[in-house]
Amino acid sequence: MGTKIACFIGWSNTGKTGFIEACAAALQRHGLRVGAVKCVHHGASFNPRGKDSSRFFDAGAEAALVSDAETVRVTRTPPSWDRSFVEALFPSADVILIEGRVVPGALRVILGGSAEDEAGLKRPLDDFDVLVTGFSGLAGRALAAGKAVYNPEDSGSFVESHLLGGNAMKARDVSVTNNGIDVPLNAFVMETIENVVLGLVKPLKKTDLDGEIVIRIGPALK
């Protein structure tokens, strides 16, 4: 299903970096390749003036590479981001985690930190898919609005539900029928159904996630 991208937003000291760090570690334990982006908004440059790398950059080079114990790639940031720009940063990554910016089409996560109600969040709940909070009142408000909610210490469940499904089961088909007729599903809906169902079924006993999973909702069978 392609590279998964998750974007994390929140005020300073809401635990964004720690949550992303835990997600990255969990993904690596599952054998997935992870890219991580930290967005800086104060106009700083990572390419000091007067260095050879800045001279290459000023001469119009697409990227300047400096290698020793580490490799740093310096390239021009476009005025707006899309999936193609992010994926080009980590062409071999299965999952890319972004702190401080929302990319269109990506999973949107807001961390509440010490906020006890929606007014304390950096942005409105309606702008996001997932809320990370330790406050039950705010969690209840988000659940009522149809958002997924996780405790700050529960990064593992977040990863299982939202970041592993499509990567761990690339060959799985997802279909929905209504009165025996197939319901058309786009890729996003298929992935969402897959992640939600796997998250619900995995903790249950006697389940085989590599087999077929059938959920029936309809009139009671006699």
C-alpha atoms as a PDB file:
ATOM      1  CA  MET A   1       0.000   0.000   0.000  1.00  0.00           C
ATOM      2  CA  GLY A   2       3.020   2.274  -0.322  1.00  0.00           C
ATOM      3  CA  THR A   3       4.921   4.307   2.229  1.00  0.00           C
ATOM      4  CA  LYS A   4       2.943   5.263   5.320  1.00  0.00           C
ATOM      5  CA  ILE A   5       3.333   8.845   6.561  1.00  0.00           C
ATOM      6  CA  ALA A   6       2.226  10.035  10.003  1.00  0.00           C
ATOM      7  CA  CYS A   7       2.359  13.681  11.066  1.00  0.00           C
ATOM      8  CA  PHE A   8       2.536  14.763  14.716  1.00  0.00           C
ATOM      9  CA  ILE A   9       1.431  18.208  15.920  1.00  0.00           C
ATOM     10  CA  GLY A  10       1.325  19.743  19.401  1.00  0.00           C
ATOM     11  CA  TRP A  11       2.622  22.531  21.585  1.00  0.00           C
ATOM     12  CA  SER A  12       6.181  22.349  22.925  1.00  0.00           C
ATOM     13  CA  ASN A  13       6.610  19.872  25.776  1.00  0.00           C
ATOM     14  CA  THR A  14       3.572  17.802  24.817  1.00  0.00           C
ATOM     15  CA  GLY A  15       5.698  14.688  24.270  1.00  0.00           C
ATOM     16  CA  LYS A  16       5.861  14.666  20.470  1.00  0.00           C
ATOM     17  CA  THR A  17       9.517  13.665  20.224  1.00  0.00           C
ATOM     18  CA  GLY A  18       9.243  10.935  22.850  1.00  0.00           C
ATOM     19  CA  PHE A  19       6.128   9.453  21.245  1.00  0.00           C
ATOM     20  CA  ILE A  20       7.737   9.474  17.790  1.00  0.00           C
ATOM     21  CA  GLU A  21      10.895   7.920  19.241  1.00  0.00           C
ATOM     22  CA  ALA A  22       8.851   5.085  20.749  1.00  0.00           C
ATOM     23  CA  CYS A  23       7.002   4.572  17.448  1.00  0.00           C
ATOM     24  CA  ALA A  24      10.269   4.420  15.500  1.00  0.00           C
ATOM     25  CA  ALA A  25      11.703   1.835  17.893  1.00  0.00           C
ATOM     26  CA  ALA A  26       8.557  -0.309  17.664  1.00  0.00           C
ATOM     27  CA  LEU A  27       8.545  -0.163  13.868  1.00  0.00           C
ATOM     28  CA  GLN A  28      12.198  -1.167  13.690  1.00  0.00           C
ATOM     29  CA  ARG A  29      11.503  -4.142  15.953  1.00  0.00           C
ATOM     30  CA  HIS A  30       9.010  -5.262  13.311  1.00  0.00           C
ATOM     31  CA  GLY A  31      11.712  -5.036  10.660  1.00  0.00           C
ATOM     32  CA  LEU A  32      10.407  -1.907   8.952  1.00  0.00           C
ATOM     33  CA  ARG A  33      12.596   0.905   7.638  1.00  0.00           C
ATOM     34  CA  VAL A  34      11.755   4.218   9.278  1.00  0.00           C
ATOM     35  CA  GLY A  35      12.426   7.826   8.289  1.00  0.00           C
ATOM     36  CA  ALA A  36      11.924  10.675  10.762  1.00  0.00           C
ATOM     37  CA  VAL A  37      11.602  14.409  10.075  1.00  0.00           C
ATOM     38  CA  LYS A  38      11.924  17.198  12.646  1.00  0.00           C
ATOM     39  CA  CYS A  39      10.569  20.499  11.303  1.00  0.00           C
ATOM     40  CA  VAL A  40      12.243  23.704  12.497  1.00  0.00           C
ATOM     41  CA  HIS A  41      10.215  26.890  12.106  1.00  0.00           C
ATOM     42  CA  HIS A  42      12.620  29.639  13.200  1.00  0.00           C
ATOM     43  CA  GLY A  43      14.416  30.041   9.883  1.00  0.00           C
ATOM     44  CA  ALA A  44      17.680  28.400  10.924  1.00  0.00           C
ATOM     45  CA  SER A  45      20.117  27.088   8.319  1.00  0.00           C
ATOM     46  CA  PHE A  46      21.892  23.753   8.610  1.00  0.00           C
ATOM     47  CA  ASN A  47      24.426  24.895   6.025  1.00  0.00           C
ATOM     48  CA  PRO A  48      26.820  27.442   7.643  1.00  0.00           C
ATOM     49  CA  ARG A  49      27.945  30.261   5.389  1.00  0.00           C
ATOM     50  CA  GLY A  50      31.488  30.066   4.111  1.00  0.00           C
ATOM     51  CA  LYS A  51      31.801  26.277   4.238  1.00  0.00           C
ATOM     52  CA  ASP A  52      32.522  24.311   1.073  1.00  0.00           C
ATOM     53  CA  SER A  53      29.056  22.762   1.237  1.00  0.00           C
ATOM     54  CA  SER A  54      27.403  26.204   1.210  1.00  0.00           C
ATOM     55  CA  ARG A  55      29.472  27.192  -1.822  1.00  0.00           C
ATOM     56  CA  PHE A  56      28.213  24.139  -3.728  1.00  0.00           C
ATOM     57  CA  PHE A  57      24.670  24.941  -2.602  1.00  0.00           C
ATOM     58  CA  ASP A  58      24.917  28.589  -3.670  1.00  0.00           C
ATOM     59  CA  ALA A  59      26.298  27.483  -7.026  1.00  0.00           C
ATOM     60  CA  GLY A  60      22.995  25.739  -7.682  1.00  0.00           C
ATOM     61  CA  ALA A  61      23.724  22.157  -6.644  1.00  0.00           C
ATOM     62  CA  GLU A  62      20.525  20.255  -5.907  1.00  0.00           C
ATOM     63  CA  ALA A  63      22.115  18.753  -2.790  1.00  0.00           C
ATOM     64  CA  ALA A  64      25.392  19.075  -0.912  1.00  0.00           C
ATOM     65  CA  LEU A  65      26.630  15.917   0.830  1.00  0.00           C
ATOM     66  CA  VAL A  66      29.048  16.033   3.749  1.00  0.00           C
ATOM     67  CA  SER A  67      30.300  12.666   4.921  1.00  0.00           C
ATOM     68  CA  ASP A  68      32.435  11.565   7.829  1.00  0.00           C
ATOM     69  CA  ALA A  69      30.874   9.568  10.631  1.00  0.00           C
ATOM     70  CA  GLU A  70      27.523  10.796   9.326  1.00  0.00           C
ATOM     71  CA  THR A  71      26.056  12.013   6.053  1.00  0.00           C
ATOM     72  CA  VAL A  72      24.024  15.197   5.875  1.00  0.00           C
ATOM     73  CA  ARG A  73      21.995  16.061   2.813  1.00  0.00           C
ATOM     74  CA  VAL A  74      21.216  19.733   2.247  1.00  0.00           C
ATOM     75  CA  THR A  75      18.519  20.566  -0.270  1.00  0.00           C
ATOM     76  CA  ARG A  76      16.067  23.400  -0.819  1.00  0.00           C
ATOM     77  CA  THR A  77      12.749  23.072   0.980  1.00  0.00           C
ATOM     78  CA  PRO A  78       9.731  23.703  -1.281  1.00  0.00           C
ATOM     79  CA  PRO A  79       7.159  26.294  -0.149  1.00  0.00           C
ATOM     80  CA  SER A  80       4.585  23.535   0.351  1.00  0.00           C
ATOM     81  CA  TRP A  81       5.030  19.845   1.040  1.00  0.00           C
ATOM     82  CA  ASP A  82       3.338  16.856  -0.533  1.00  0.00           C
ATOM     83  CA  ARG A  83       3.835  13.095  -0.349  1.00  0.00           C
ATOM     84  CA  SER A  84       6.281  13.030  -3.245  1.00  0.00           C
ATOM     85  CA  PHE A  85       8.651  15.462  -1.493  1.00  0.00           C
ATOM     86  CA  VAL A  86       8.551  13.515   1.779  1.00  0.00           C
ATOM     87  CA  GLU A  87       8.979  10.138   0.101  1.00  0.00           C
ATOM     88  CA  ALA A  88      11.971  11.481  -1.858  1.00  0.00           C
ATOM     89  CA  LEU A  89      13.715  12.247   1.460  1.00  0.00           C
ATOM     90  CA  PHE A  90      13.594   8.555   2.409  1.00  0.00           C
ATOM     91  CA  PRO A  91      13.080   6.539  -0.791  1.00  0.00           C
ATOM     92  CA  SER A  92      13.593   3.177   0.937  1.00  0.00           C
ATOM     93  CA  ALA A  93      11.446   3.854   4.037  1.00  0.00           C
ATOM     94  CA  ASP A  94       8.319   1.857   4.834  1.00  0.00           C
ATOM     95  CA  VAL A  95       7.093   4.477   7.314  1.00  0.00           C
ATOM     96  CA  ILE A  96       7.939   8.190   7.645  1.00  0.00           C
ATOM     97  CA  LEU A  97       7.228  10.074  10.879  1.00  0.00           C
ATOM     98  CA  ILE A  98       7.044  13.883  10.731  1.00  0.00           C
ATOM     99  CA  GLU A  99       7.129  16.182  13.744  1.00  0.00           C
ATOM    100  CA  GLY A 100       5.788  19.695  13.325  1.00  0.00           C
ATOM    101  CA  ARG A 101       4.083  19.680   9.924  1.00  0.00           C
ATOM    102  CA  VAL A 102       1.015  18.127   8.301  1.00  0.00           C
ATOM    103  CA  VAL A 103       1.343  16.624   4.827  1.00  0.00           C
ATOM    104  CA  PRO A 104      -1.849  16.232   2.740  1.00  0.00           C
ATOM    105  CA  GLY A 105      -3.101  12.656   2.751  1.00  0.00           C
ATOM    106  CA  ALA A 106      -0.995  11.579   5.745  1.00  0.00           C
ATOM    107  CA  LEU A 107      -2.239  10.318   9.104  1.00  0.00           C
ATOM    108  CA  ARG A 108      -2.730  13.374  11.342  1.00  0.00           C
ATOM    109  CA  VAL A 109      -1.919  13.024  15.044  1.00  0.00           C
ATOM    110  CA  ILE A 110      -2.263  15.729  17.693  1.00  0.00           C
ATOM    111  CA  LEU A 111      -0.676  15.420  21.127  1.00  0.00           C
ATOM    112  CA  GLY A 112      -2.546  17.103  23.949  1.00  0.00           C
ATOM    113  CA  GLY A 113       0.132  17.149  26.642  1.00  0.00           C
ATOM    114  CA  SER A 114      -1.278  18.996  29.653  1.00  0.00           C
ATOM    115  CA  ALA A 115      -4.415  20.176  27.810  1.00  0.00           C
ATOM    116  CA  GLU A 116      -7.559  19.048  29.629  1.00  0.00           C
ATOM    117  CA  ASP A 117      -9.996  20.221  26.970  1.00  0.00           C
ATOM    118  CA  GLU A 118     -10.037  20.999  23.266  1.00  0.00           C
ATOM    119  CA  ALA A 119      -9.368  24.694  23.855  1.00  0.00           C
ATOM    120  CA  GLY A 120      -5.901  23.784  25.118  1.00  0.00           C
ATOM    121  CA  LEU A 121      -4.892  21.928  21.946  1.00  0.00           C
ATOM    122  CA  LYS A 122      -2.663  23.567  19.377  1.00  0.00           C
ATOM    123  CA  ARG A 123      -5.277  23.009  16.657  1.00  0.00           C
ATOM    124  CA  PRO A 124      -8.938  21.866  16.600  1.00  0.00           C
ATOM    125  CA  LEU A 125      -9.684  18.155  16.918  1.00  0.00           C
ATOM    126  CA  ASP A 126     -11.569  18.229  13.619  1.00  0.00           C
ATOM    127  CA  ASP A 127      -8.249  18.716  11.808  1.00  0.00           C
ATOM    128  CA  PHE A 128      -6.874  15.367  13.038  1.00  0.00           C
ATOM    129  CA  ASP A 129      -7.426  11.615  12.900  1.00  0.00           C
ATOM    130  CA  VAL A 130      -5.771  10.643  16.196  1.00  0.00           C
ATOM    131  CA  LEU A 131      -5.464  12.246  19.644  1.00  0.00           C
ATOM    132  CA  VAL A 132      -2.781  11.327  22.175  1.00  0.00           C
ATOM    133  CA  THR A 133      -3.807  12.363  25.688  1.00  0.00           C
ATOM    134  CA  GLY A 134      -3.846  11.211  29.276  1.00  0.00           C
ATOM    135  CA  PHE A 135      -7.002  13.145  30.198  1.00  0.00           C
ATOM    136  CA  SER A 136     -10.244  11.165  30.145  1.00  0.00           C
ATOM    137  CA  GLY A 137     -12.479  14.177  29.511  1.00  0.00           C
ATOM    138  CA  LEU A 138     -10.605  15.219  26.394  1.00  0.00           C
ATOM    139  CA  ALA A 139     -10.360  11.588  25.300  1.00  0.00           C
ATOM    140  CA  GLY A 140     -14.134  11.222  25.575  1.00  0.00           C
ATOM    141  CA  ARG A 141     -14.687  14.344  23.496  1.00  0.00           C
ATOM    142  CA  ALA A 142     -12.383  12.972  20.783  1.00  0.00           C
ATOM    143  CA  LEU A 143     -14.008   9.530  20.784  1.00  0.00           C
ATOM    144  CA  ALA A 144     -17.435  11.133  20.435  1.00  0.00           C
ATOM    145  CA  ALA A 145     -16.105  12.991  17.395  1.00  0.00           C
ATOM    146  CA  GLY A 146     -14.972   9.722  15.807  1.00  0.00           C
ATOM    147  CA  LYS A 147     -11.258  10.130  16.500  1.00  0.00           C
ATOM    148  CA  ALA A 148      -8.880   7.372  17.590  1.00  0.00           C
ATOM    149  CA  VAL A 149      -7.426   8.038  21.054  1.00  0.00           C
ATOM    150  CA  TYR A 150      -4.258   6.736  22.711  1.00  0.00           C
ATOM    151  CA  ASN A 151      -2.540   7.281  26.030  1.00  0.00           C
ATOM    152  CA  PRO A 152       0.966   8.795  25.730  1.00  0.00           C
ATOM    153  CA  GLU A 153       2.397   5.513  27.057  1.00  0.00           C
ATOM    154  CA  ASP A 154       0.521   3.427  24.489  1.00  0.00           C
ATOM    155  CA  SER A 155       2.612   4.043  21.382  1.00  0.00           C
ATOM    156  CA  GLY A 156       2.684   0.293  20.732  1.00  0.00           C
ATOM    157  CA  SER A 157      -1.069   0.085  20.176  1.00  0.00           C
ATOM    158  CA  PHE A 158      -0.932   3.184  17.979  1.00  0.00           C
ATOM    159  CA  VAL A 159       1.747   1.557  15.815  1.00  0.00           C
ATOM    160  CA  GLU A 160      -0.178  -1.725  15.609  1.00  0.00           C
ATOM    161  CA  SER A 161      -3.423  -0.045  14.592  1.00  0.00           C
ATOM    162  CA  HIS A 162      -2.209   2.659  12.224  1.00  0.00           C
ATOM    163  CA  LEU A 163       1.291   1.930  10.931  1.00  0.00           C
ATOM    164  CA  LEU A 164       1.729  -1.843  10.695  1.00  0.00           C
ATOM    165  CA  GLY A 165      -1.383  -3.144   8.955  1.00  0.00           C
ATOM    166  CA  GLY A 166      -0.668  -2.187   5.360  1.00  0.00           C
ATOM    167  CA  ASN A 167       3.048  -3.010   5.618  1.00  0.00           C
ATOM    168  CA  ALA A 168       2.748  -6.316   7.418  1.00  0.00           C
ATOM    169  CA  MET A 169      -0.002  -7.626   5.148  1.00  0.00           C
ATOM    170  CA  LYS A 170       0.636  -6.193   1.696  1.00  0.00           C
ATOM    171  CA  ALA A 171      -0.977  -9.167  -0.058  1.00  0.00           C
ATOM    172  CA  ARG A 172      -4.242  -9.067   1.925  1.00  0.00           C
ATOM    173  CA  ASP A 173      -7.441  -8.157   0.114  1.00  0.00           C
ATOM    174  CA  VAL A 174     -10.125  -6.101   1.865  1.00  0.00           C
ATOM    175  CA  SER A 175     -13.723  -6.253   0.662  1.00  0.00           C
ATOM    176  CA  VAL A 176     -17.162  -5.289   1.970  1.00  0.00           C
ATOM    177  CA  THR A 177     -20.464  -6.689   0.755  1.00  0.00           C
ATOM    178  CA  ASN A 178     -23.968  -5.402   1.450  1.00  0.00           C
ATOM    179  CA  ASN A 179     -26.849  -7.786   0.747  1.00  0.00           C
ATOM    180  CA  GLY A 180     -24.435  -9.862  -1.308  1.00  0.00           C
ATOM    181  CA  ILE A 181     -23.277  -6.944  -3.462  1.00  0.00           C
ATOM    182  CA  ASP A 182     -19.662  -5.752  -3.361  1.00  0.00           C
ATOM    183  CA  VAL A 183     -19.260  -2.195  -2.051  1.00  0.00           C
ATOM    184  CA  PRO A 184     -16.633  -0.136  -3.965  1.00  0.00           C
ATOM    185  CA  LEU A 185     -13.732   0.868  -1.694  1.00  0.00           C
ATOM    186  CA  ASN A 186     -10.868   3.238  -2.382  1.00  0.00           C
ATOM    187  CA  ALA A 187      -7.356   2.555  -1.080  1.00  0.00           C
ATOM    188  CA  PHE A 188      -7.706   4.821   1.963  1.00  0.00           C
ATOM    189  CA  VAL A 189     -10.953   3.187   3.115  1.00  0.00           C
ATOM    190  CA  MET A 190      -9.498  -0.301   2.566  1.00  0.00           C
ATOM    191  CA  GLU A 191      -6.438   0.545   4.646  1.00  0.00           C
ATOM    192  CA  THR A 192      -8.538   2.121   7.398  1.00  0.00           C
ATOM    193  CA  ILE A 193     -10.817  -0.928   7.625  1.00  0.00           C
ATOM    194  CA  GLU A 194      -7.800  -3.233   7.683  1.00  0.00           C
ATOM    195  CA  ASN A 195      -6.057  -1.318  10.466  1.00  0.00           C
ATOM    196  CA  VAL A 196      -9.194  -1.022  12.617  1.00  0.00           C
ATOM    197  CA  VAL A 197     -10.150  -4.682  12.244  1.00  0.00           C
ATOM    198  CA  LEU A 198      -6.624  -5.918  12.941  1.00  0.00           C
ATOM    199  CA  GLY A 199      -6.416  -3.689  16.004  1.00  0.00           C
ATOM    200  CA  LEU A 200      -9.668  -5.162  17.344  1.00  0.00           C
ATOM    201  CA  VAL A 201      -9.003  -8.795  16.464  1.00  0.00           C
ATOM    202  CA  LYS A 202      -5.336  -9.153  17.366  1.00  0.00           C
ATOM    203  CA  PRO A 203      -5.822  -9.199  21.190  1.00  0.00           C
ATOM    204  CA  LEU A 204      -8.488 -11.933  20.908  1.00  0.00           C
ATOM    205  CA  LYS A 205      -7.619 -15.560  21.559  1.00  0.00           C
ATOM    206  CA  LYS A 206      -7.544 -18.185  18.812  1.00  0.00           C
ATOM    207  CA  THR A 207      -7.121 -15.696  15.967  1.00  0.00           C
ATOM    208  CA  ASP A 208      -4.966 -16.248  12.882  1.00  0.00           C
ATOM    209  CA  LEU A 209      -4.141 -12.872  11.338  1.00  0.00           C
ATOM    210  CA  ASP A 210      -2.716 -14.571   8.245  1.00  0.00           C
ATOM    211  CA  GLY A 211      -6.046 -16.244   7.541  1.00  0.00           C
ATOM    212  CA  GLU A 212      -9.337 -14.820   6.331  1.00  0.00           C
ATOM    213  CA  ILE A 213     -11.177 -12.516   8.753  1.00  0.00           C
ATOM    214  CA  VAL A 214     -14.946 -12.298   8.286  1.00  0.00           C
ATOM    215  CA  ILE A 215     -17.149  -9.919  10.300  1.00  0.00           C
ATOM    216  CA  ARG A 216     -20.905 -10.201   9.765  1.00  0.00           C
ATOM    217  CA  ILE A 217     -23.375  -7.458  10.741  1.00  0.00           C
ATOM    218  CA  GLY A 218     -26.982  -8.209   9.873  1.00  0.00           C
ATOM    219  CA  PRO A 219     -30.223  -9.844  11.022  1.00  0.00           C
ATOM    220  CA  ALA A 220     -29.790 -12.485  13.708  1.00  0.00           C
ATOM    221  CA  LEU A 221     -29.439 -15.988  12.290  1.00  0.00           C
ATOM    222  CA  LYS A 222     -32.109 -18.430  13.405  1.00  0.00           C
END
